[in-house]
PDB file of N, CA and C in Angstrom:
ATOM      1  N   UNK A   1     -28.478 -12.056   3.271  1.00  0.00           N
ATOM      2  CA  UNK A   1     -27.850 -10.971   4.033  1.00  0.00           C
ATOM      3  C   UNK A   1     -26.819 -11.457   3.662  1.00  0.00           C
ATOM      4  N   UNK A   2     -25.549 -10.992   2.491  1.00  0.00           N
ATOM      5  CA  UNK A   2     -24.185 -10.573   2.144  1.00  0.00           C
ATOM      6  C   UNK A   2     -23.395 -10.942   3.035  1.00  0.00           C
ATOM      7  N   UNK A   3     -22.465 -11.037   2.535  1.00  0.00           N
ATOM      8  CA  UNK A   3     -21.156 -11.312   3.550  1.00  0.00           C
ATOM      9  C   UNK A   3     -19.961 -10.095   3.070  1.00  0.00           C
ATOM     10  N   UNK A   4     -19.341  -9.732   4.251  1.00  0.00           N
ATOM     11  CA  UNK A   4     -18.691  -8.708   3.708  1.00  0.00           C
ATOM     12  C   UNK A   4     -17.923  -8.891   2.611  1.00  0.00           C
ATOM     13  N   UNK A   5     -17.255  -9.873   2.263  1.00  0.00           N
ATOM     14  CA  UNK A   5     -16.077 -10.617   1.472  1.00  0.00           C
ATOM     15  C   UNK A   5     -17.324 -10.796   0.078  1.00  0.00           C
ATOM     16  N   UNK A   6     -18.361 -10.924   0.327  1.00  0.00           N
ATOM     17  CA  UNK A   6     -19.222 -10.797  -1.106  1.00  0.00           C
ATOM     18  C   UNK A   6     -19.487  -9.697  -2.103  1.00  0.00           C
ATOM     19  N   UNK A   7     -19.678  -8.270  -1.557  1.00  0.00           N
ATOM     20  CA  UNK A   7     -19.347  -7.549  -2.190  1.00  0.00           C
ATOM     21  C   UNK A   7     -18.703  -6.681  -2.514  1.00  0.00           C
ATOM     22  N   UNK A   8     -17.110  -6.496  -1.038  1.00  0.00           N
ATOM     23  CA  UNK A   8     -16.096  -5.723  -1.424  1.00  0.00           C
ATOM     24  C   UNK A   8     -15.450  -6.562  -2.624  1.00  0.00           C
ATOM     25  N   UNK A   9     -15.365  -7.875  -2.973  1.00  0.00           N
ATOM     26  CA  UNK A   9     -14.368  -8.715  -4.196  1.00  0.00           C
ATOM     27  C   UNK A   9     -15.136  -7.674  -5.736  1.00  0.00           C
ATOM     28  N   UNK A  10     -16.383  -7.938  -6.024  1.00  0.00           N
ATOM     29  CA  UNK A  10     -16.035  -6.768  -7.262  1.00  0.00           C
ATOM     30  C   UNK A  10     -15.730  -5.630  -7.229  1.00  0.00           C
ATOM     31  N   UNK A  11     -15.703  -4.883  -6.247  1.00  0.00           N
ATOM     32  CA  UNK A  11     -15.575  -3.097  -6.037  1.00  0.00           C
ATOM     33  C   UNK A  11     -13.669  -2.991  -6.329  1.00  0.00           C
ATOM     34  N   UNK A  12     -12.714  -4.520  -5.619  1.00  0.00           N
ATOM     35  CA  UNK A  12     -11.790  -4.451  -5.354  1.00  0.00           C
ATOM     36  C   UNK A  12     -10.938  -5.168  -6.971  1.00  0.00           C
ATOM     37  N   UNK A  13     -11.788  -6.210  -7.784  1.00  0.00           N
ATOM     38  CA  UNK A  13     -11.011  -6.537  -8.654  1.00  0.00           C
ATOM     39  C   UNK A  13     -11.402  -5.541  -9.900  1.00  0.00           C
ATOM     40  N   UNK A  14     -12.406  -4.439  -9.883  1.00  0.00           N
ATOM     41  CA  UNK A  14     -12.029  -3.435 -10.554  1.00  0.00           C
ATOM     42  C   UNK A  14     -10.893  -2.589 -10.319  1.00  0.00           C
ATOM     43  N   UNK A  15      -9.922  -2.841  -9.569  1.00  0.00           N
ATOM     44  CA  UNK A  15      -8.990  -1.369  -9.028  1.00  0.00           C
ATOM     45  C   UNK A  15      -7.645  -1.840  -9.580  1.00  0.00           C
ATOM     46  N   UNK A  16      -7.998  -3.441  -9.978  1.00  0.00           N
ATOM     47  CA  UNK A  16      -6.897  -4.026 -10.282  1.00  0.00           C
ATOM     48  C   UNK A  16      -6.553  -4.471 -11.829  1.00  0.00           C
ATOM     49  N   UNK A  17      -5.528  -4.105 -12.663  1.00  0.00           N
ATOM     50  CA  UNK A  17      -5.133  -4.120 -13.787  1.00  0.00           C
ATOM     51  C   UNK A  17      -3.502  -5.313 -13.714  1.00  0.00           C
ATOM     52  N   UNK A  18      -4.155  -6.052 -14.433  1.00  0.00           N
ATOM     53  CA  UNK A  18      -2.621  -6.919 -14.349  1.00  0.00           C
ATOM     54  C   UNK A  18      -2.459  -6.942 -16.389  1.00  0.00           C
ATOM     55  N   UNK A  19      -1.560  -6.510 -16.241  1.00  0.00           N
ATOM     56  CA  UNK A  19      -0.802  -6.778 -17.622  1.00  0.00           C
ATOM     57  C   UNK A  19       0.423  -7.838 -18.085  1.00  0.00           C
ATOM     58  N   UNK A  20       0.119  -8.173 -19.173  1.00  0.00           N
ATOM     59  CA  UNK A  20       1.754  -8.952 -19.249  1.00  0.00           C
ATOM     60  C   UNK A  20       3.355  -8.759 -20.470  1.00  0.00           C
ATOM     61  N   UNK A  21       2.547  -7.289 -20.810  1.00  0.00           N
ATOM     62  CA  UNK A  21       3.489  -7.057 -22.070  1.00  0.00           C
ATOM     63  C   UNK A  21       3.430  -5.465 -21.923  1.00  0.00           C
ATOM     64  N   UNK A  22       4.315  -4.881 -22.510  1.00  0.00           N
ATOM     65  CA  UNK A  22       3.818  -3.438 -22.887  1.00  0.00           C
ATOM     66  C   UNK A  22       2.404  -3.067 -23.759  1.00  0.00           C
ATOM     67  N   UNK A  23       2.335  -3.653 -24.753  1.00  0.00           N
ATOM     68  CA  UNK A  23       1.472  -3.410 -25.243  1.00  0.00           C
ATOM     69  C   UNK A  23      -0.303  -3.709 -24.769  1.00  0.00           C
ATOM     70  N   UNK A  24      -0.416  -4.568 -24.048  1.00  0.00           N
ATOM     71  CA  UNK A  24      -1.370  -4.829 -22.568  1.00  0.00           C
ATOM     72  C   UNK A  24      -1.456  -3.635 -21.891  1.00  0.00           C
ATOM     73  N   UNK A  25       0.247  -3.253 -21.020  1.00  0.00           N
ATOM     74  CA  UNK A  25      -0.293  -2.615 -20.570  1.00  0.00           C
ATOM     75  C   UNK A  25      -0.085  -1.226 -20.582  1.00  0.00           C
ATOM     76  N   UNK A  26      -0.463  -0.470 -21.864  1.00  0.00           N
ATOM     77  CA  UNK A  26      -0.125   0.584 -22.583  1.00  0.00           C
ATOM     78  C   UNK A  26      -2.376   0.944 -23.162  1.00  0.00           C
ATOM     79  N   UNK A  27      -2.980  -0.139 -23.226  1.00  0.00           N
ATOM     80  CA  UNK A  27      -4.065  -0.309 -23.443  1.00  0.00           C
ATOM     81  C   UNK A  27      -5.215  -0.267 -22.033  1.00  0.00           C
ATOM     82  N   UNK A  28      -4.480  -1.088 -21.113  1.00  0.00           N
ATOM     83  CA  UNK A  28      -5.207  -0.938 -20.053  1.00  0.00           C
ATOM     84  C   UNK A  28      -5.309   0.063 -18.810  1.00  0.00           C
ATOM     85  N   UNK A  29      -3.685   0.336 -18.896  1.00  0.00           N
ATOM     86  CA  UNK A  29      -3.493   1.980 -17.967  1.00  0.00           C
ATOM     87  C   UNK A  29      -3.898   2.821 -18.784  1.00  0.00           C
ATOM     88  N   UNK A  30      -3.584   3.130 -20.019  1.00  0.00           N
ATOM     89  CA  UNK A  30      -4.034   3.983 -20.345  1.00  0.00           C
ATOM     90  C   UNK A  30      -6.004   4.427 -20.344  1.00  0.00           C
ATOM     91  N   UNK A  31      -6.342   3.401 -20.212  1.00  0.00           N
ATOM     92  CA  UNK A  31      -8.090   3.120 -20.602  1.00  0.00           C
ATOM     93  C   UNK A  31      -8.577   3.728 -18.592  1.00  0.00           C
ATOM     94  N   UNK A  32      -7.667   3.737 -18.123  1.00  0.00           N
ATOM     95  CA  UNK A  32      -7.622   3.321 -16.580  1.00  0.00           C
ATOM     96  C   UNK A  32      -8.619   4.781 -16.185  1.00  0.00           C
ATOM     97  N   UNK A  33      -9.465   4.941 -15.152  1.00  0.00           N
ATOM     98  CA  UNK A  33      -9.736   6.238 -14.146  1.00  0.00           C
ATOM     99  C   UNK A  33      -8.580   6.644 -13.961  1.00  0.00           C
ATOM    100  N   UNK A  34      -8.036   7.908 -14.782  1.00  0.00           N
ATOM    101  CA  UNK A  34      -7.247   9.038 -13.717  1.00  0.00           C
ATOM    102  C   UNK A  34      -7.662   9.177 -12.144  1.00  0.00           C
ATOM    103  N   UNK A  35      -9.293   9.352 -11.925  1.00  0.00           N
ATOM    104  CA  UNK A  35      -9.571   9.730 -11.015  1.00  0.00           C
ATOM    105  C   UNK A  35      -9.340   8.969  -9.888  1.00  0.00           C
ATOM    106  N   UNK A  36      -9.214   7.497 -10.087  1.00  0.00           N
ATOM    107  CA  UNK A  36      -9.201   6.520  -9.359  1.00  0.00           C
ATOM    108  C   UNK A  36      -7.805   5.947  -8.892  1.00  0.00           C
ATOM    109  N   UNK A  37      -7.890   5.063  -7.829  1.00  0.00           N
ATOM    110  CA  UNK A  37      -6.858   4.299  -7.465  1.00  0.00           C
ATOM    111  C   UNK A  37      -6.982   3.168  -7.803  1.00  0.00           C
ATOM    112  N   UNK A  38      -5.532   2.190  -8.767  1.00  0.00           N
ATOM    113  CA  UNK A  38      -5.232   0.952  -8.649  1.00  0.00           C
ATOM    114  C   UNK A  38      -3.619   1.207  -8.200  1.00  0.00           C
ATOM    115  N   UNK A  39      -3.875  -0.551  -8.700  1.00  0.00           N
ATOM    116  CA  UNK A  39      -2.053  -1.450  -8.396  1.00  0.00           C
ATOM    117  C   UNK A  39      -2.731  -2.038  -9.868  1.00  0.00           C
ATOM    118  N   UNK A  40      -1.442  -1.950 -10.573  1.00  0.00           N
ATOM    119  CA  UNK A  40      -0.891  -2.278 -11.819  1.00  0.00           C
ATOM    120  C   UNK A  40       0.124  -3.812 -11.408  1.00  0.00           C
ATOM    121  N   UNK A  41      -0.385  -4.871 -12.016  1.00  0.00           N
ATOM    122  CA  UNK A  41      -0.066  -6.356 -11.465  1.00  0.00           C
ATOM    123  C   UNK A  41       1.189  -6.697 -12.875  1.00  0.00           C
ATOM    124  N   UNK A  42       2.465  -6.011 -12.740  1.00  0.00           N
ATOM    125  CA  UNK A  42       3.324  -6.786 -14.239  1.00  0.00           C
ATOM    126  C   UNK A  42       4.278  -7.509 -13.925  1.00  0.00           C
ATOM    127  N   UNK A  43       5.026  -7.928 -14.782  1.00  0.00           N
ATOM    128  CA  UNK A  43       6.174  -8.926 -14.704  1.00  0.00           C
ATOM    129  C   UNK A  43       6.921  -7.759 -14.583  1.00  0.00           C
ATOM    130  N   UNK A  44       8.360  -8.197 -13.571  1.00  0.00           N
ATOM    131  CA  UNK A  44       9.366  -7.784 -13.672  1.00  0.00           C
ATOM    132  C   UNK A  44      10.569  -7.119 -15.009  1.00  0.00           C
ATOM    133  N   UNK A  45      10.686  -7.863 -15.815  1.00  0.00           N
ATOM    134  CA  UNK A  45      10.879  -7.144 -16.806  1.00  0.00           C
ATOM    135  C   UNK A  45      10.592  -5.938 -18.176  1.00  0.00           C
ATOM    136  N   UNK A  46       8.646  -6.008 -17.813  1.00  0.00           N
ATOM    137  CA  UNK A  46       9.064  -4.946 -18.281  1.00  0.00           C
ATOM    138  C   UNK A  46       9.355  -3.603 -18.080  1.00  0.00           C
ATOM    139  N   UNK A  47       9.653  -3.656 -17.048  1.00  0.00           N
ATOM    140  CA  UNK A  47      10.838  -2.305 -16.744  1.00  0.00           C
ATOM    141  C   UNK A  47      12.091  -2.343 -16.750  1.00  0.00           C
ATOM    142  N   UNK A  48      12.834  -3.223 -17.578  1.00  0.00           N
ATOM    143  CA  UNK A  48      14.059  -3.588 -18.108  1.00  0.00           C
ATOM    144  C   UNK A  48      14.807  -2.123 -18.475  1.00  0.00           C
ATOM    145  N   UNK A  49      14.200  -1.982 -20.149  1.00  0.00           N
ATOM    146  CA  UNK A  49      14.489  -1.160 -20.718  1.00  0.00           C
ATOM    147  C   UNK A  49      14.273  -0.012 -20.650  1.00  0.00           C
ATOM    148  N   UNK A  50      13.616   0.696 -19.820  1.00  0.00           N
ATOM    149  CA  UNK A  50      12.958   2.163 -19.580  1.00  0.00           C
ATOM    150  C   UNK A  50      12.101   2.545 -20.448  1.00  0.00           C
ATOM    151  N   UNK A  51      11.341   1.781 -21.067  1.00  0.00           N
ATOM    152  CA  UNK A  51      10.488   1.798 -21.516  1.00  0.00           C
ATOM    153  C   UNK A  51       9.381   3.311 -21.181  1.00  0.00           C
ATOM    154  N   UNK A  52       8.274   3.610 -22.326  1.00  0.00           N
ATOM    155  CA  UNK A  52       7.306   4.667 -21.864  1.00  0.00           C
ATOM    156  C   UNK A  52       5.869   3.955 -22.641  1.00  0.00           C
ATOM    157  N   UNK A  53       5.532   4.931 -21.564  1.00  0.00           N
ATOM    158  CA  UNK A  53       3.785   3.664 -21.672  1.00  0.00           C
ATOM    159  C   UNK A  53       2.900   5.678 -22.252  1.00  0.00           C
ATOM    160  N   UNK A  54       2.815   5.384 -23.697  1.00  0.00           N
ATOM    161  CA  UNK A  54       2.110   6.839 -24.791  1.00  0.00           C
ATOM    162  C   UNK A  54       0.631   6.416 -24.165  1.00  0.00           C
ATOM    163  N   UNK A  55       0.173   7.473 -23.210  1.00  0.00           N
ATOM    164  CA  UNK A  55      -1.579   7.954 -23.651  1.00  0.00           C
ATOM    165  C   UNK A  55      -1.165   9.285 -24.029  1.00  0.00           C
ATOM    166  N   UNK A  56      -3.051   8.830 -23.935  1.00  0.00           N
ATOM    167  CA  UNK A  56      -3.677  10.240 -24.536  1.00  0.00           C
ATOM    168  C   UNK A  56      -2.916  11.973 -23.329  1.00  0.00           C
ATOM    169  N   UNK A  57      -2.878  11.518 -22.100  1.00  0.00           N
ATOM    170  CA  UNK A  57      -2.380  12.480 -21.496  1.00  0.00           C
ATOM    171  C   UNK A  57      -0.460  12.599 -21.389  1.00  0.00           C
ATOM    172  N   UNK A  58      -0.395  11.896 -21.942  1.00  0.00           N
ATOM    173  CA  UNK A  58       0.992  12.454 -22.495  1.00  0.00           C
ATOM    174  C   UNK A  58       1.539  11.014 -21.865  1.00  0.00           C
ATOM    175  N   UNK A  59       3.431  10.992 -22.135  1.00  0.00           N
ATOM    176  CA  UNK A  59       4.096   9.674 -21.393  1.00  0.00           C
ATOM    177  C   UNK A  59       4.421   9.528 -20.643  1.00  0.00           C
ATOM    178  N   UNK A  60       4.498   8.288 -19.890  1.00  0.00           N
ATOM    179  CA  UNK A  60       5.112   7.399 -19.031  1.00  0.00           C
ATOM    180  C   UNK A  60       5.561   6.983 -18.895  1.00  0.00           C
ATOM    181  N   UNK A  61       6.650   7.556 -18.041  1.00  0.00           N
ATOM    182  CA  UNK A  61       8.241   6.514 -18.346  1.00  0.00           C
ATOM    183  C   UNK A  61       8.047   5.200 -16.981  1.00  0.00           C
ATOM    184  N   UNK A  62       8.055   4.378 -17.652  1.00  0.00           N
ATOM    185  CA  UNK A  62       8.275   2.974 -17.211  1.00  0.00           C
ATOM    186  C   UNK A  62       9.984   2.823 -16.469  1.00  0.00           C
ATOM    187  N   UNK A  63      10.189   2.430 -15.307  1.00  0.00           N
ATOM    188  CA  UNK A  63      11.629   2.607 -14.602  1.00  0.00           C
ATOM    189  C   UNK A  63      11.731   1.732 -13.757  1.00  0.00           C
ATOM    190  N   UNK A  64      13.198   0.947 -13.080  1.00  0.00           N
ATOM    191  CA  UNK A  64      13.342   0.893 -12.084  1.00  0.00           C
ATOM    192  C   UNK A  64      15.054   1.297 -11.239  1.00  0.00           C
ATOM    193  N   UNK A  65      14.623   1.099 -10.237  1.00  0.00           N
ATOM    194  CA  UNK A  65      16.364   1.806  -9.665  1.00  0.00           C
ATOM    195  C   UNK A  65      16.404   0.747  -8.270  1.00  0.00           C
ATOM    196  N   UNK A  66      17.481   0.063  -7.903  1.00  0.00           N
ATOM    197  CA  UNK A  66      18.099  -0.448  -6.707  1.00  0.00           C
ATOM    198  C   UNK A  66      17.438   0.662  -5.967  1.00  0.00           C
ATOM    199  N   UNK A  67      17.154   0.324  -4.637  1.00  0.00           N
ATOM    200  CA  UNK A  67      16.522   0.884  -3.700  1.00  0.00           C
ATOM    201  C   UNK A  67      17.857   1.530  -2.451  1.00  0.00           C
ATOM    202  N   UNK A  68      18.007   2.205  -2.914  1.00  0.00           N
ATOM    203  CA  UNK A  68      19.384   3.188  -1.819  1.00  0.00           C
ATOM    204  C   UNK A  68      19.207   2.930  -0.430  1.00  0.00           C
ATOM    205  N   UNK A  69      18.696   2.224   0.449  1.00  0.00           N
ATOM    206  CA  UNK A  69      18.526   1.962   1.536  1.00  0.00           C
ATOM    207  C   UNK A  69      18.465   0.173   1.893  1.00  0.00           C
ATOM    208  N   UNK A  70      17.986  -0.414   0.611  1.00  0.00           N
ATOM    209  CA  UNK A  70      18.391  -1.764   0.936  1.00  0.00           C
ATOM    210  C   UNK A  70      18.620  -2.286  -0.334  1.00  0.00           C
ATOM    211  N   UNK A  71      19.834  -2.845  -0.638  1.00  0.00           N
ATOM    212  CA  UNK A  71      20.455  -2.541  -1.943  1.00  0.00           C
ATOM    213  C   UNK A  71      19.999  -4.295  -2.515  1.00  0.00           C
ATOM    214  N   UNK A  72      18.636  -5.182  -2.148  1.00  0.00           N
ATOM    215  CA  UNK A  72      18.321  -6.193  -2.384  1.00  0.00           C
ATOM    216  C   UNK A  72      17.033  -5.737  -2.499  1.00  0.00           C
ATOM    217  N   UNK A  73      16.645  -4.930  -2.825  1.00  0.00           N
ATOM    218  CA  UNK A  73      14.905  -4.354  -3.737  1.00  0.00           C
ATOM    219  C   UNK A  73      15.095  -3.609  -4.466  1.00  0.00           C
ATOM    220  N   UNK A  74      14.120  -3.390  -5.496  1.00  0.00           N
ATOM    221  CA  UNK A  74      14.629  -2.244  -6.809  1.00  0.00           C
ATOM    222  C   UNK A  74      12.755  -1.362  -5.922  1.00  0.00           C
ATOM    223  N   UNK A  75      13.014  -0.366  -6.698  1.00  0.00           N
ATOM    224  CA  UNK A  75      11.750   0.344  -6.593  1.00  0.00           C
ATOM    225  C   UNK A  75      11.296   0.411  -8.325  1.00  0.00           C
ATOM    226  N   UNK A  76      10.297   0.510  -7.997  1.00  0.00           N
ATOM    227  CA  UNK A  76       9.579   0.537  -9.541  1.00  0.00           C
ATOM    228  C   UNK A  76       9.111   1.834  -9.708  1.00  0.00           C
ATOM    229  N   UNK A  77       8.860   2.133 -10.640  1.00  0.00           N
ATOM    230  CA  UNK A  77       8.355   3.702 -10.998  1.00  0.00           C
ATOM    231  C   UNK A  77       6.860   3.687 -12.126  1.00  0.00           C
ATOM    232  N   UNK A  78       6.144   3.795 -12.542  1.00  0.00           N
ATOM    233  CA  UNK A  78       5.580   4.482 -14.182  1.00  0.00           C
ATOM    234  C   UNK A  78       5.365   6.224 -13.249  1.00  0.00           C
ATOM    235  N   UNK A  79       6.278   6.995 -13.892  1.00  0.00           N
ATOM    236  CA  UNK A  79       5.703   8.083 -13.625  1.00  0.00           C
ATOM    237  C   UNK A  79       5.561   9.196 -14.365  1.00  0.00           C
ATOM    238  N   UNK A  80       4.280   9.670 -14.313  1.00  0.00           N
ATOM    239  CA  UNK A  80       3.304  10.570 -14.917  1.00  0.00           C
ATOM    240  C   UNK A  80       4.132  11.967 -16.020  1.00  0.00           C
ATOM    241  N   UNK A  81       3.463  12.088 -17.165  1.00  0.00           N
ATOM    242  CA  UNK A  81       4.210  13.377 -17.695  1.00  0.00           C
ATOM    243  C   UNK A  81       3.998  14.760 -16.691  1.00  0.00           C
ATOM    244  N   UNK A  82       4.849  15.682 -17.007  1.00  0.00           N
ATOM    245  CA  UNK A  82       4.945  16.916 -16.024  1.00  0.00           C
ATOM    246  C   UNK A  82       4.146  17.547 -16.162  1.00  0.00           C
ATOM    247  N   UNK A  83       3.991  17.807 -17.558  1.00  0.00           N
ATOM    248  CA  UNK A  83       3.069  18.791 -18.351  1.00  0.00           C
ATOM    249  C   UNK A  83       1.768  18.425 -17.633  1.00  0.00           C
ATOM    250  N   UNK A  84       0.339  18.257 -17.718  1.00  0.00           N
ATOM    251  CA  UNK A  84      -0.664  18.889 -17.359  1.00  0.00           C
ATOM    252  C   UNK A  84      -1.509  19.045 -18.242  1.00  0.00           C
ATOM    253  N   UNK A  85      -2.147  17.340 -18.980  1.00  0.00           N
ATOM    254  CA  UNK A  85      -3.226  17.899 -19.836  1.00  0.00           C
ATOM    255  C   UNK A  85      -4.841  16.618 -19.633  1.00  0.00           C
ATOM    256  N   UNK A  86      -5.190  17.137 -17.717  1.00  0.00           N
ATOM    257  CA  UNK A  86      -6.381  16.194 -17.546  1.00  0.00           C
ATOM    258  C   UNK A  86      -5.125  15.764 -16.226  1.00  0.00           C
ATOM    259  N   UNK A  87      -6.257  14.925 -15.494  1.00  0.00           N
ATOM    260  CA  UNK A  87      -5.624  13.857 -14.883  1.00  0.00           C
ATOM    261  C   UNK A  87      -5.034  13.221 -15.197  1.00  0.00           C
ATOM    262  N   UNK A  88      -3.956  12.478 -14.301  1.00  0.00           N
ATOM    263  CA  UNK A  88      -2.536  12.073 -14.008  1.00  0.00           C
ATOM    264  C   UNK A  88      -2.651  10.643 -12.892  1.00  0.00           C
ATOM    265  N   UNK A  89      -1.876   9.307 -13.076  1.00  0.00           N
ATOM    266  CA  UNK A  89      -1.673   8.654 -12.263  1.00  0.00           C
ATOM    267  C   UNK A  89      -0.230   8.928 -12.156  1.00  0.00           C
ATOM    268  N   UNK A  90       0.658   8.277 -10.436  1.00  0.00           N
ATOM    269  CA  UNK A  90       1.742   8.878 -10.497  1.00  0.00           C
ATOM    270  C   UNK A  90       1.200   6.796  -9.593  1.00  0.00           C
ATOM    271  N   UNK A  91       2.513   5.944 -10.185  1.00  0.00           N
ATOM    272  CA  UNK A  91       2.604   4.756  -9.595  1.00  0.00           C
ATOM    273  C   UNK A  91       4.131   4.455  -9.141  1.00  0.00           C
ATOM    274  N   UNK A  92       3.938   3.636  -7.783  1.00  0.00           N
ATOM    275  CA  UNK A  92       5.641   3.662  -7.448  1.00  0.00           C
ATOM    276  C   UNK A  92       5.126   1.853  -6.637  1.00  0.00           C
ATOM    277  N   UNK A  93       6.322   1.308  -6.225  1.00  0.00           N
ATOM    278  CA  UNK A  93       6.100  -0.100  -5.943  1.00  0.00           C
ATOM    279  C   UNK A  93       7.167  -0.355  -5.676  1.00  0.00           C
ATOM    280  N   UNK A  94       7.887  -1.712  -4.651  1.00  0.00           N
ATOM    281  CA  UNK A  94       8.941  -2.228  -4.398  1.00  0.00           C
ATOM    282  C   UNK A  94       9.169  -3.591  -4.177  1.00  0.00           C
ATOM    283  N   UNK A  95      10.169  -4.444  -4.551  1.00  0.00           N
ATOM    284  CA  UNK A  95      10.048  -5.558  -4.616  1.00  0.00           C
ATOM    285  C   UNK A  95      11.160  -6.123  -4.650  1.00  0.00           C
ATOM    286  N   UNK A  96      12.070  -7.286  -3.827  1.00  0.00           N
ATOM    287  CA  UNK A  96      13.025  -8.104  -4.200  1.00  0.00           C
ATOM    288  C   UNK A  96      13.244  -7.994  -5.599  1.00  0.00           C
ATOM    289  N   UNK A  97      14.541  -7.709  -5.234  1.00  0.00           N
ATOM    290  CA  UNK A  97      15.588  -8.287  -7.068  1.00  0.00           C
ATOM    291  C   UNK A  97      15.526  -8.785  -7.728  1.00  0.00           C
ATOM    292  N   UNK A  98      14.655 -10.464  -7.075  1.00  0.00           N
ATOM    293  CA  UNK A  98      15.079 -11.684  -8.193  1.00  0.00           C
ATOM    294  C   UNK A  98      13.430 -11.549  -8.586  1.00  0.00           C
ATOM    295  N   UNK A  99      12.391 -10.600  -8.085  1.00  0.00           N
ATOM    296  CA  UNK A  99      11.489 -10.969  -8.349  1.00  0.00           C
ATOM    297  C   UNK A  99      10.438 -10.932  -9.844  1.00  0.00           C
ATOM    298  N   UNK A 100       9.526 -11.729 -10.007  1.00  0.00           N
ATOM    299  CA  UNK A 100       9.278 -11.636 -11.557  1.00  0.00           C
ATOM    300  C   UNK A 100       8.175 -11.266 -11.742  1.00  0.00           C
ATOM    301  N   UNK A 101       7.593 -10.774 -10.512  1.00  0.00           N
ATOM    302  CA  UNK A 101       6.190 -10.095 -10.398  1.00  0.00           C
ATOM    303  C   UNK A 101       6.308  -9.498  -9.371  1.00  0.00           C
ATOM    304  N   UNK A 102       5.409  -7.771 -10.249  1.00  0.00           N
ATOM    305  CA  UNK A 102       5.602  -6.779  -8.907  1.00  0.00           C
ATOM    306  C   UNK A 102       4.589  -6.059  -8.750  1.00  0.00           C
ATOM    307  N   UNK A 103       4.115  -5.350  -8.303  1.00  0.00           N
ATOM    308  CA  UNK A 103       2.871  -4.289  -7.976  1.00  0.00           C
ATOM    309  C   UNK A 103       2.836  -3.218  -7.528  1.00  0.00           C
ATOM    310  N   UNK A 104       2.714  -2.345  -8.469  1.00  0.00           N
ATOM    311  CA  UNK A 104       2.501  -0.928  -8.422  1.00  0.00           C
ATOM    312  C   UNK A 104       1.394  -0.578  -7.800  1.00  0.00           C
ATOM    313  N   UNK A 105       1.320   0.582  -6.895  1.00  0.00           N
ATOM    314  CA  UNK A 105       0.410   1.495  -6.611  1.00  0.00           C
ATOM    315  C   UNK A 105      -0.116   2.767  -6.972  1.00  0.00           C
ATOM    316  N   UNK A 106      -1.144   3.157  -7.769  1.00  0.00           N
ATOM    317  CA  UNK A 106      -1.404   4.289  -8.497  1.00  0.00           C
ATOM    318  C   UNK A 106      -2.597   4.912  -7.678  1.00  0.00           C
ATOM    319  N   UNK A 107      -2.080   6.547  -7.505  1.00  0.00           N
ATOM    320  CA  UNK A 107      -3.267   7.198  -6.902  1.00  0.00           C
ATOM    321  C   UNK A 107      -3.245   8.568  -7.667  1.00  0.00           C
ATOM    322  N   UNK A 108      -4.266   9.146  -7.965  1.00  0.00           N
ATOM    323  CA  UNK A 108      -4.552  10.575  -8.528  1.00  0.00           C
ATOM    324  C   UNK A 108      -3.450  12.158  -8.182  1.00  0.00           C
ATOM    325  N   UNK A 109      -3.131  12.497  -8.804  1.00  0.00           N
ATOM    326  CA  UNK A 109      -2.215  13.775  -9.321  1.00  0.00           C
ATOM    327  C   UNK A 109      -3.262  14.683  -9.216  1.00  0.00           C
TER     328      UNK A 109
END
């Protein structure tokens, strides 16, 4: 008899994407199934220069802003293209201003 944690761990591991660079993010994020929720775990420094992640479905804008409600926090975004060429993911998260690693929840749009 398998314990709940033993059967749930492999499924959960497939839903988390970790990347350490823009190139690695592009490779892994663009290959993700846009019909399934995922969590992105990334270095906060990737959001500093507001770069784009270019996928076949279009460009995703990667940026951060200071939270209007809590100035010690940043809100992190990976916004999908406005025009639709297939399914897309919308990603956002919130972390302390001085955090070096952030996690974004991504959901199908």
